[in-house]
Each structure stands twice: as C-alpha cells, then as structure tokens.
C-alpha cells in the first residue's frame, strides 16, 4: 500500500495533468473520487491545486515590478531623503 504522502503526490500529478487539459476542478474531483474513493483529497484541495497549476493562485503572484523603459531600477537612499525632507 502506498504511503499517504505518496498518494497525495500521485493525486497532485493527476490534477496537474487534467488541469493542463482544461478540465474543471469539479470534474477532476469527481473522476478522482471514482478511482481513489475515501482516500481522495477534498474538492477544496482539488480547487486549490488547479488554481496553483493554472497560475491563478494569489500566492503565486509576482510582486516585483517588471523592468520598464524610463523607470529607474532602484532608488538611492540619499535621493529618497531629499524628497521627504
């Protein structure tokens, strides 16, 4: 019998594959429930992993600004002090 950690990894792999095919989280969970039965992860967990794999998870958002022309990459401390003083 597979360990619970191994089973979770397998289920995440299934979610990643089916999400890449464009399946909805509810459909993925229903399909997994028929295979894994009581050992299947919850529908909320499936939704969470679908968001992560599709890049829609807010935790995956990049907070750094992208490089743009005409914008400095950083501000010097001295320049900032002159503006606020």
C-alpha atoms as a PDB file:
ATOM      1  CA  UNK A   1       0.000   0.000   0.000  1.00  0.00           C
ATOM      2  CA  UNK A   2       1.260   3.469  -0.861  1.00  0.00           C
ATOM      3  CA  UNK A   3       2.021   5.890   1.939  1.00  0.00           C
ATOM      4  CA  UNK A   4      -0.341   8.824   2.364  1.00  0.00           C
ATOM      5  CA  UNK A   5       2.379  11.261   1.212  1.00  0.00           C
ATOM      6  CA  UNK A   6       2.984   9.183  -1.916  1.00  0.00           C
ATOM      7  CA  UNK A   7      -0.754   9.074  -2.584  1.00  0.00           C
ATOM      8  CA  UNK A   8      -1.019  12.874  -2.271  1.00  0.00           C
ATOM      9  CA  UNK A   9       1.798  13.342  -4.758  1.00  0.00           C
ATOM     10  CA  UNK A  10       0.101  10.974  -7.194  1.00  0.00           C
ATOM     11  CA  UNK A  11      -3.184  12.842  -6.850  1.00  0.00           C
ATOM     12  CA  UNK A  12      -1.486  16.198  -7.412  1.00  0.00           C
ATOM     13  CA  UNK A  13       0.064  14.781 -10.577  1.00  0.00           C
ATOM     14  CA  UNK A  14      -3.383  13.760 -11.807  1.00  0.00           C
ATOM     15  CA  UNK A  15      -4.716  17.239 -11.030  1.00  0.00           C
ATOM     16  CA  UNK A  16      -1.808  18.885 -12.856  1.00  0.00           C
ATOM     17  CA  UNK A  17      -2.364  16.723 -15.944  1.00  0.00           C
ATOM     18  CA  UNK A  18      -6.144  17.168 -16.095  1.00  0.00           C
ATOM     19  CA  UNK A  19      -5.897  20.915 -15.389  1.00  0.00           C
ATOM     20  CA  UNK A  20      -3.457  21.216 -18.294  1.00  0.00           C
ATOM     21  CA  UNK A  21      -6.073  19.530 -20.479  1.00  0.00           C
ATOM     22  CA  UNK A  22      -8.561  22.203 -19.408  1.00  0.00           C
ATOM     23  CA  UNK A  23     -10.763  20.141 -17.105  1.00  0.00           C
ATOM     24  CA  UNK A  24     -12.688  21.958 -14.386  1.00  0.00           C
ATOM     25  CA  UNK A  25     -11.909  21.287 -10.728  1.00  0.00           C
ATOM     26  CA  UNK A  26     -15.334  19.719 -10.066  1.00  0.00           C
ATOM     27  CA  UNK A  27     -14.863  17.259 -12.929  1.00  0.00           C
ATOM     28  CA  UNK A  28     -11.354  16.417 -11.784  1.00  0.00           C
ATOM     29  CA  UNK A  29     -12.563  15.723  -8.250  1.00  0.00           C
ATOM     30  CA  UNK A  30     -15.430  13.528  -9.483  1.00  0.00           C
ATOM     31  CA  UNK A  31     -13.068  11.470 -11.641  1.00  0.00           C
ATOM     32  CA  UNK A  32     -10.552  11.118  -8.824  1.00  0.00           C
ATOM     33  CA  UNK A  33     -13.269  10.111  -6.343  1.00  0.00           C
ATOM     34  CA  UNK A  34     -14.158   7.111  -8.532  1.00  0.00           C
ATOM     35  CA  UNK A  35     -10.527   5.981  -8.562  1.00  0.00           C
ATOM     36  CA  UNK A  36      -9.306   6.852  -5.065  1.00  0.00           C
ATOM     37  CA  UNK A  37     -12.598   6.541  -3.145  1.00  0.00           C
ATOM     38  CA  UNK A  38     -12.274   7.530   0.505  1.00  0.00           C
ATOM     39  CA  UNK A  39      -8.565   8.238   0.039  1.00  0.00           C
ATOM     40  CA  UNK A  40      -9.329  11.060  -2.416  1.00  0.00           C
ATOM     41  CA  UNK A  41      -8.412  14.587  -1.379  1.00  0.00           C
ATOM     42  CA  UNK A  42     -11.237  17.066  -0.785  1.00  0.00           C
ATOM     43  CA  UNK A  43     -12.873  19.112  -3.505  1.00  0.00           C
ATOM     44  CA  UNK A  44     -11.465  22.287  -1.898  1.00  0.00           C
ATOM     45  CA  UNK A  45      -7.960  20.867  -2.141  1.00  0.00           C
ATOM     46  CA  UNK A  46      -8.521  19.997  -5.801  1.00  0.00           C
ATOM     47  CA  UNK A  47      -9.668  23.587  -6.468  1.00  0.00           C
ATOM     48  CA  UNK A  48      -6.582  24.911  -4.682  1.00  0.00           C
ATOM     49  CA  UNK A  49      -4.221  22.776  -6.763  1.00  0.00           C
ATOM     50  CA  UNK A  50      -5.988  23.606 -10.018  1.00  0.00           C
ATOM     51  CA  UNK A  51      -5.511  27.320  -9.258  1.00  0.00           C
ATOM     52  CA  UNK A  52      -1.834  26.744  -8.481  1.00  0.00           C
ATOM     53  CA  UNK A  53      -1.202  24.678 -11.613  1.00  0.00           C
ATOM     54  CA  UNK A  54      -3.034  27.170 -13.828  1.00  0.00           C
ATOM     55  CA  UNK A  55      -1.094  30.055 -12.276  1.00  0.00           C
ATOM     56  CA  UNK A  56      -4.183  31.689 -10.776  1.00  0.00           C
ATOM     57  CA  UNK A  57      -3.199  31.338  -7.145  1.00  0.00           C
ATOM     58  CA  UNK A  58      -2.715  34.752  -5.492  1.00  0.00           C
ATOM     59  CA  UNK A  59       0.248  33.347  -3.559  1.00  0.00           C
ATOM     60  CA  UNK A  60       1.996  32.833  -6.885  1.00  0.00           C
ATOM     61  CA  UNK A  61       1.610  36.477  -7.919  1.00  0.00           C
ATOM     62  CA  UNK A  62       4.897  38.249  -8.546  1.00  0.00           C
ATOM     63  CA  UNK A  63       5.018  41.440  -6.528  1.00  0.00           C
ATOM     64  CA  UNK A  64       8.129  42.912  -8.115  1.00  0.00           C
ATOM     65  CA  UNK A  65       7.766  45.450 -10.870  1.00  0.00           C
ATOM     66  CA  UNK A  66       8.837  44.412 -14.321  1.00  0.00           C
ATOM     67  CA  UNK A  67      11.594  46.400 -15.977  1.00  0.00           C
ATOM     68  CA  UNK A  68      10.188  49.279 -17.984  1.00  0.00           C
ATOM     69  CA  UNK A  69      11.917  51.900 -20.073  1.00  0.00           C
ATOM     70  CA  UNK A  70      12.263  55.261 -18.394  1.00  0.00           C
ATOM     71  CA  UNK A  71      11.863  53.897 -14.899  1.00  0.00           C
ATOM     72  CA  UNK A  72      14.802  53.531 -12.500  1.00  0.00           C
ATOM     73  CA  UNK A  73      15.506  50.029 -11.240  1.00  0.00           C
ATOM     74  CA  UNK A  74      16.035  51.277  -7.704  1.00  0.00           C
ATOM     75  CA  UNK A  75      16.120  54.491  -5.700  1.00  0.00           C
ATOM     76  CA  UNK A  76      19.092  55.594  -3.684  1.00  0.00           C
ATOM     77  CA  UNK A  77      18.564  56.280  -0.008  1.00  0.00           C
ATOM     78  CA  UNK A  78      20.030  59.792  -0.281  1.00  0.00           C
ATOM     79  CA  UNK A  79      17.690  60.736  -3.124  1.00  0.00           C
ATOM     80  CA  UNK A  80      14.738  59.497  -1.105  1.00  0.00           C
ATOM     81  CA  UNK A  81      15.777  61.531   1.938  1.00  0.00           C
ATOM     82  CA  UNK A  82      15.994  64.707  -0.129  1.00  0.00           C
ATOM     83  CA  UNK A  83      12.450  64.209  -1.401  1.00  0.00           C
ATOM     84  CA  UNK A  84      10.924  63.641   2.040  1.00  0.00           C
ATOM     85  CA  UNK A  85      12.942  66.220   3.984  1.00  0.00           C
END
